[in-house]
Amino acid sequence: MSMKHQAYAMFDSSTIPDDLCPIATKPTPMLPGDWRSMRPVVDRAKCVKCAVCWLYCPVQCVVERPAWFDFNLKTCKGCGICATECPQRAIAMIEEASA
C-alpha cells in the first residue's frame, strides 16, 4: 500500500477578515532600527574583539571590523544585551535622540 503525499496551500487568503490590522496580513518594510530608543556604541579602545556581543545578539546585527565589532543599526533593536554581556564593558547604550 502506497501513501500519496499532497501539498496543501498554507491558507486561503480569501478567508481573511477585512477588519484585521494590516500588519497581520501584509509584510511591513519597517525594520527594528526604525523604532529603537537606545543604540549601542563601541569604545574602540576597550574592545578586545572577544565576540561575546556577537554570540548574544538576538538579531545578529553585530558586524566585524578589522580591530573591533560594530553594529548594523538598521537591524539593531536596541535591547542592550550586547552591553550587558560585554566582559570589557566596551559597549554603552545611548539614547537614540542624543545620537
N, C-alpha and C. Protein backbone atom coordinates (compact mmCIF):
# COMPACT_ATOMS: atom_id res chain seq x y z
N MET A 1 0.84 -1.18 0.00
CA MET A 1 0.00 0.00 0.00
C MET A 1 0.89 1.25 0.00
N SER A 2 0.67 2.13 -0.93
CA SER A 2 1.47 3.34 -1.09
C SER A 2 0.67 4.57 -0.67
N MET A 3 1.31 5.42 0.14
CA MET A 3 0.66 6.68 0.55
C MET A 3 1.03 7.77 -0.44
N LYS A 4 0.07 8.52 -0.81
CA LYS A 4 0.32 9.62 -1.73
C LYS A 4 0.42 10.92 -0.92
N HIS A 5 1.55 11.63 -1.06
CA HIS A 5 1.74 12.89 -0.36
C HIS A 5 1.19 14.02 -1.22
N GLN A 6 0.48 14.90 -0.59
CA GLN A 6 -0.10 16.02 -1.32
C GLN A 6 0.17 17.30 -0.55
N ALA A 7 0.65 18.31 -1.24
CA ALA A 7 0.90 19.60 -0.61
C ALA A 7 -0.38 20.42 -0.62
N TYR A 8 -0.61 21.11 0.48
CA TYR A 8 -1.78 21.97 0.60
C TYR A 8 -1.32 23.42 0.74
N ALA A 9 -2.12 24.31 0.28
CA ALA A 9 -1.80 25.73 0.44
C ALA A 9 -1.77 26.05 1.94
N MET A 10 -0.91 27.01 2.35
CA MET A 10 -0.79 27.37 3.76
C MET A 10 -2.13 27.86 4.31
N PHE A 11 -2.78 28.73 3.58
CA PHE A 11 -4.10 29.22 3.97
C PHE A 11 -4.76 29.84 2.75
N ASP A 12 -6.03 30.00 2.84
CA ASP A 12 -6.79 30.61 1.76
C ASP A 12 -6.97 32.09 2.11
N SER A 13 -6.31 32.98 1.37
CA SER A 13 -6.35 34.40 1.69
C SER A 13 -7.75 35.00 1.57
N SER A 14 -8.63 34.34 0.89
CA SER A 14 -9.99 34.86 0.78
C SER A 14 -10.76 34.71 2.09
N THR A 15 -10.23 33.92 3.02
CA THR A 15 -10.90 33.73 4.30
C THR A 15 -10.45 34.73 5.37
N ILE A 16 -9.51 35.63 5.03
CA ILE A 16 -9.03 36.62 5.99
C ILE A 16 -10.06 37.74 6.12
N PRO A 17 -10.51 38.04 7.33
CA PRO A 17 -11.50 39.12 7.51
C PRO A 17 -10.92 40.47 7.08
N ASP A 18 -11.79 41.35 6.60
CA ASP A 18 -11.36 42.67 6.13
C ASP A 18 -11.03 43.64 7.25
N ASP A 19 -11.44 43.34 8.48
CA ASP A 19 -11.25 44.29 9.57
C ASP A 19 -10.01 44.00 10.42
N LEU A 20 -9.10 43.15 9.93
CA LEU A 20 -7.86 42.88 10.66
C LEU A 20 -6.88 44.04 10.51
N CYS A 21 -6.00 44.16 11.47
CA CYS A 21 -4.92 45.14 11.37
C CYS A 21 -4.09 44.80 10.13
N PRO A 22 -3.72 45.77 9.30
CA PRO A 22 -2.99 45.47 8.06
C PRO A 22 -1.66 44.75 8.28
N ILE A 23 -1.00 44.98 9.42
CA ILE A 23 0.29 44.34 9.66
C ILE A 23 0.15 42.83 9.80
N ALA A 24 -1.07 42.37 10.13
CA ALA A 24 -1.28 40.94 10.29
C ALA A 24 -1.42 40.23 8.94
N THR A 25 -1.67 40.98 7.89
CA THR A 25 -1.89 40.35 6.59
C THR A 25 -0.90 40.77 5.52
N LYS A 26 -0.15 41.85 5.75
CA LYS A 26 0.81 42.33 4.75
C LYS A 26 2.18 42.50 5.39
N PRO A 27 3.25 42.11 4.68
CA PRO A 27 4.60 42.35 5.21
C PRO A 27 4.86 43.85 5.34
N THR A 28 5.57 44.23 6.36
CA THR A 28 5.89 45.63 6.57
C THR A 28 7.36 45.89 6.25
N PRO A 29 7.67 47.02 5.66
CA PRO A 29 9.07 47.34 5.37
C PRO A 29 9.82 47.86 6.60
N MET A 30 9.12 48.02 7.73
CA MET A 30 9.73 48.56 8.94
C MET A 30 10.77 47.60 9.50
N LEU A 31 11.93 48.12 9.86
CA LEU A 31 13.00 47.34 10.49
C LEU A 31 13.07 47.70 11.96
N PRO A 32 13.69 46.83 12.79
CA PRO A 32 13.80 47.14 14.21
C PRO A 32 14.48 48.48 14.49
N GLY A 33 15.43 48.86 13.64
CA GLY A 33 16.12 50.13 13.83
C GLY A 33 15.22 51.35 13.67
N ASP A 34 14.04 51.16 13.07
CA ASP A 34 13.11 52.27 12.87
C ASP A 34 12.38 52.65 14.16
N TRP A 35 12.30 51.74 15.14
CA TRP A 35 11.57 52.04 16.37
C TRP A 35 12.43 51.95 17.62
N ARG A 36 13.73 51.77 17.45
CA ARG A 36 14.66 51.64 18.58
C ARG A 36 14.75 52.95 19.36
N SER A 37 14.85 52.89 20.69
CA SER A 37 15.02 54.09 21.50
C SER A 37 16.43 54.23 22.06
N MET A 38 17.16 53.11 22.13
CA MET A 38 18.56 53.13 22.59
C MET A 38 19.40 52.43 21.53
N ARG A 39 20.65 52.89 21.39
CA ARG A 39 21.53 52.23 20.43
C ARG A 39 22.90 51.98 21.04
N PRO A 40 23.59 50.92 20.61
CA PRO A 40 24.90 50.60 21.17
C PRO A 40 26.01 51.40 20.51
N VAL A 41 26.98 51.79 21.32
CA VAL A 41 28.17 52.48 20.83
C VAL A 41 29.38 51.75 21.40
N VAL A 42 30.34 51.42 20.54
CA VAL A 42 31.52 50.67 20.96
C VAL A 42 32.67 51.62 21.28
N ASP A 43 33.27 51.42 22.46
CA ASP A 43 34.51 52.13 22.82
C ASP A 43 35.65 51.32 22.21
N ARG A 44 36.20 51.79 21.12
CA ARG A 44 37.20 51.03 20.36
C ARG A 44 38.46 50.76 21.17
N ALA A 45 38.77 51.62 22.13
CA ALA A 45 39.95 51.40 22.97
C ALA A 45 39.77 50.22 23.92
N LYS A 46 38.53 49.93 24.30
CA LYS A 46 38.25 48.83 25.24
C LYS A 46 37.95 47.51 24.54
N CYS A 47 37.46 47.55 23.30
CA CYS A 47 37.05 46.33 22.61
C CYS A 47 38.27 45.46 22.30
N VAL A 48 38.23 44.20 22.78
CA VAL A 48 39.31 43.25 22.52
C VAL A 48 38.89 42.21 21.48
N LYS A 49 37.72 42.44 20.87
CA LYS A 49 37.21 41.58 19.81
C LYS A 49 37.02 40.13 20.28
N CYS A 50 36.40 39.99 21.45
CA CYS A 50 36.18 38.66 22.03
C CYS A 50 34.95 37.97 21.42
N ALA A 51 34.08 38.72 20.76
CA ALA A 51 32.89 38.22 20.07
C ALA A 51 31.74 37.81 20.99
N VAL A 52 31.79 38.18 22.26
CA VAL A 52 30.68 37.86 23.16
C VAL A 52 29.43 38.60 22.71
N CYS A 53 29.56 39.85 22.28
CA CYS A 53 28.40 40.61 21.78
C CYS A 53 27.79 39.91 20.58
N TRP A 54 28.63 39.41 19.70
CA TRP A 54 28.16 38.70 18.51
C TRP A 54 27.40 37.43 18.89
N LEU A 55 27.90 36.71 19.89
CA LEU A 55 27.25 35.47 20.32
C LEU A 55 25.88 35.71 20.95
N TYR A 56 25.74 36.77 21.72
CA TYR A 56 24.50 37.01 22.45
C TYR A 56 23.46 37.83 21.70
N CYS A 57 23.84 38.51 20.63
CA CYS A 57 22.89 39.37 19.92
C CYS A 57 21.73 38.55 19.34
N PRO A 58 20.48 38.84 19.74
CA PRO A 58 19.35 38.04 19.26
C PRO A 58 19.00 38.27 17.79
N VAL A 59 19.42 39.40 17.21
CA VAL A 59 19.10 39.67 15.81
C VAL A 59 20.33 39.64 14.91
N GLN A 60 21.47 39.27 15.47
CA GLN A 60 22.73 39.16 14.74
C GLN A 60 23.06 40.41 13.94
N CYS A 61 23.02 41.56 14.61
CA CYS A 61 23.35 42.81 13.93
C CYS A 61 24.80 43.22 14.16
N VAL A 62 25.58 42.39 14.86
CA VAL A 62 26.98 42.71 15.14
C VAL A 62 27.80 42.45 13.87
N VAL A 63 28.61 43.45 13.51
CA VAL A 63 29.41 43.40 12.28
C VAL A 63 30.89 43.44 12.66
N GLU A 64 31.67 42.55 12.08
CA GLU A 64 33.10 42.50 12.39
C GLU A 64 33.86 43.54 11.58
N ARG A 65 34.68 44.31 12.28
CA ARG A 65 35.61 45.27 11.66
C ARG A 65 37.03 44.75 11.91
N PRO A 66 38.05 45.33 11.27
CA PRO A 66 39.41 44.81 11.46
C PRO A 66 39.89 44.76 12.92
N ALA A 67 39.54 45.76 13.74
CA ALA A 67 40.06 45.78 15.11
C ALA A 67 38.98 45.80 16.19
N TRP A 68 37.71 45.81 15.83
CA TRP A 68 36.63 45.84 16.81
C TRP A 68 35.35 45.33 16.16
N PHE A 69 34.31 45.21 16.96
CA PHE A 69 32.99 44.87 16.43
C PHE A 69 32.12 46.12 16.41
N ASP A 70 31.26 46.22 15.44
CA ASP A 70 30.36 47.35 15.29
C ASP A 70 28.95 46.79 15.11
N PHE A 71 27.97 47.66 14.89
CA PHE A 71 26.58 47.22 14.80
C PHE A 71 25.91 47.74 13.55
N ASN A 72 25.08 46.90 12.95
CA ASN A 72 24.24 47.32 11.84
C ASN A 72 23.00 47.95 12.47
N LEU A 73 22.92 49.26 12.46
CA LEU A 73 21.85 49.97 13.15
C LEU A 73 20.51 49.86 12.44
N LYS A 74 20.48 49.34 11.22
CA LYS A 74 19.20 49.12 10.55
C LYS A 74 18.44 47.96 11.18
N THR A 75 19.17 46.98 11.67
CA THR A 75 18.52 45.81 12.25
C THR A 75 18.62 45.73 13.77
N CYS A 76 19.46 46.55 14.38
CA CYS A 76 19.60 46.55 15.84
C CYS A 76 18.31 47.05 16.48
N LYS A 77 17.78 46.29 17.45
CA LYS A 77 16.55 46.72 18.10
C LYS A 77 16.78 47.44 19.42
N GLY A 78 18.05 47.60 19.81
CA GLY A 78 18.38 48.38 21.00
C GLY A 78 18.08 47.69 22.31
N CYS A 79 18.13 46.38 22.35
CA CYS A 79 17.78 45.64 23.57
C CYS A 79 18.83 45.76 24.66
N GLY A 80 20.10 46.00 24.29
CA GLY A 80 21.16 46.18 25.27
C GLY A 80 21.80 44.91 25.78
N ILE A 81 21.44 43.77 25.22
CA ILE A 81 22.04 42.52 25.65
C ILE A 81 23.55 42.54 25.41
N CYS A 82 23.97 43.10 24.29
CA CYS A 82 25.40 43.17 23.97
C CYS A 82 26.16 43.94 25.05
N ALA A 83 25.61 45.07 25.49
CA ALA A 83 26.27 45.90 26.51
C ALA A 83 26.32 45.19 27.85
N THR A 84 25.26 44.47 28.17
CA THR A 84 25.20 43.74 29.44
C THR A 84 26.20 42.60 29.46
N GLU A 85 26.36 41.90 28.35
CA GLU A 85 27.21 40.72 28.30
C GLU A 85 28.68 41.02 28.00
N CYS A 86 29.00 42.21 27.54
CA CYS A 86 30.39 42.54 27.18
C CYS A 86 31.29 42.49 28.42
N PRO A 87 32.26 41.57 28.45
CA PRO A 87 33.13 41.45 29.63
C PRO A 87 34.08 42.64 29.80
N GLN A 88 34.35 43.37 28.74
CA GLN A 88 35.25 44.53 28.80
C GLN A 88 34.51 45.84 29.07
N ARG A 89 33.17 45.77 29.10
CA ARG A 89 32.32 46.97 29.23
C ARG A 89 32.67 48.00 28.15
N ALA A 90 32.88 47.48 26.94
CA ALA A 90 33.25 48.32 25.81
C ALA A 90 32.03 48.85 25.05
N ILE A 91 30.83 48.41 25.43
CA ILE A 91 29.62 48.83 24.73
C ILE A 91 28.74 49.62 25.68
N ALA A 92 28.35 50.80 25.25
CA ALA A 92 27.43 51.63 26.04
C ALA A 92 26.16 51.83 25.24
N MET A 93 25.05 51.85 25.92
CA MET A 93 23.76 52.13 25.27
C MET A 93 23.45 53.60 25.48
N ILE A 94 23.21 54.32 24.37
CA ILE A 94 22.87 55.74 24.47
C ILE A 94 21.50 55.96 23.85
N GLU A 95 20.85 57.02 24.30
CA GLU A 95 19.53 57.32 23.75
C GLU A 95 19.65 57.69 22.29
N GLU A 96 18.72 57.20 21.50
CA GLU A 96 18.71 57.46 20.06
C GLU A 96 18.61 58.96 19.77
N ALA A 97 17.86 59.70 20.56
CA ALA A 97 17.68 61.14 20.33
C ALA A 97 18.99 61.91 20.48
N SER A 98 19.89 61.42 21.34
CA SER A 98 21.16 62.13 21.56
C SER A 98 22.24 61.70 20.60
N ALA A 99 21.88 60.84 19.65
CA ALA A 99 22.88 60.31 18.70
C ALA A 99 23.30 61.34 17.68
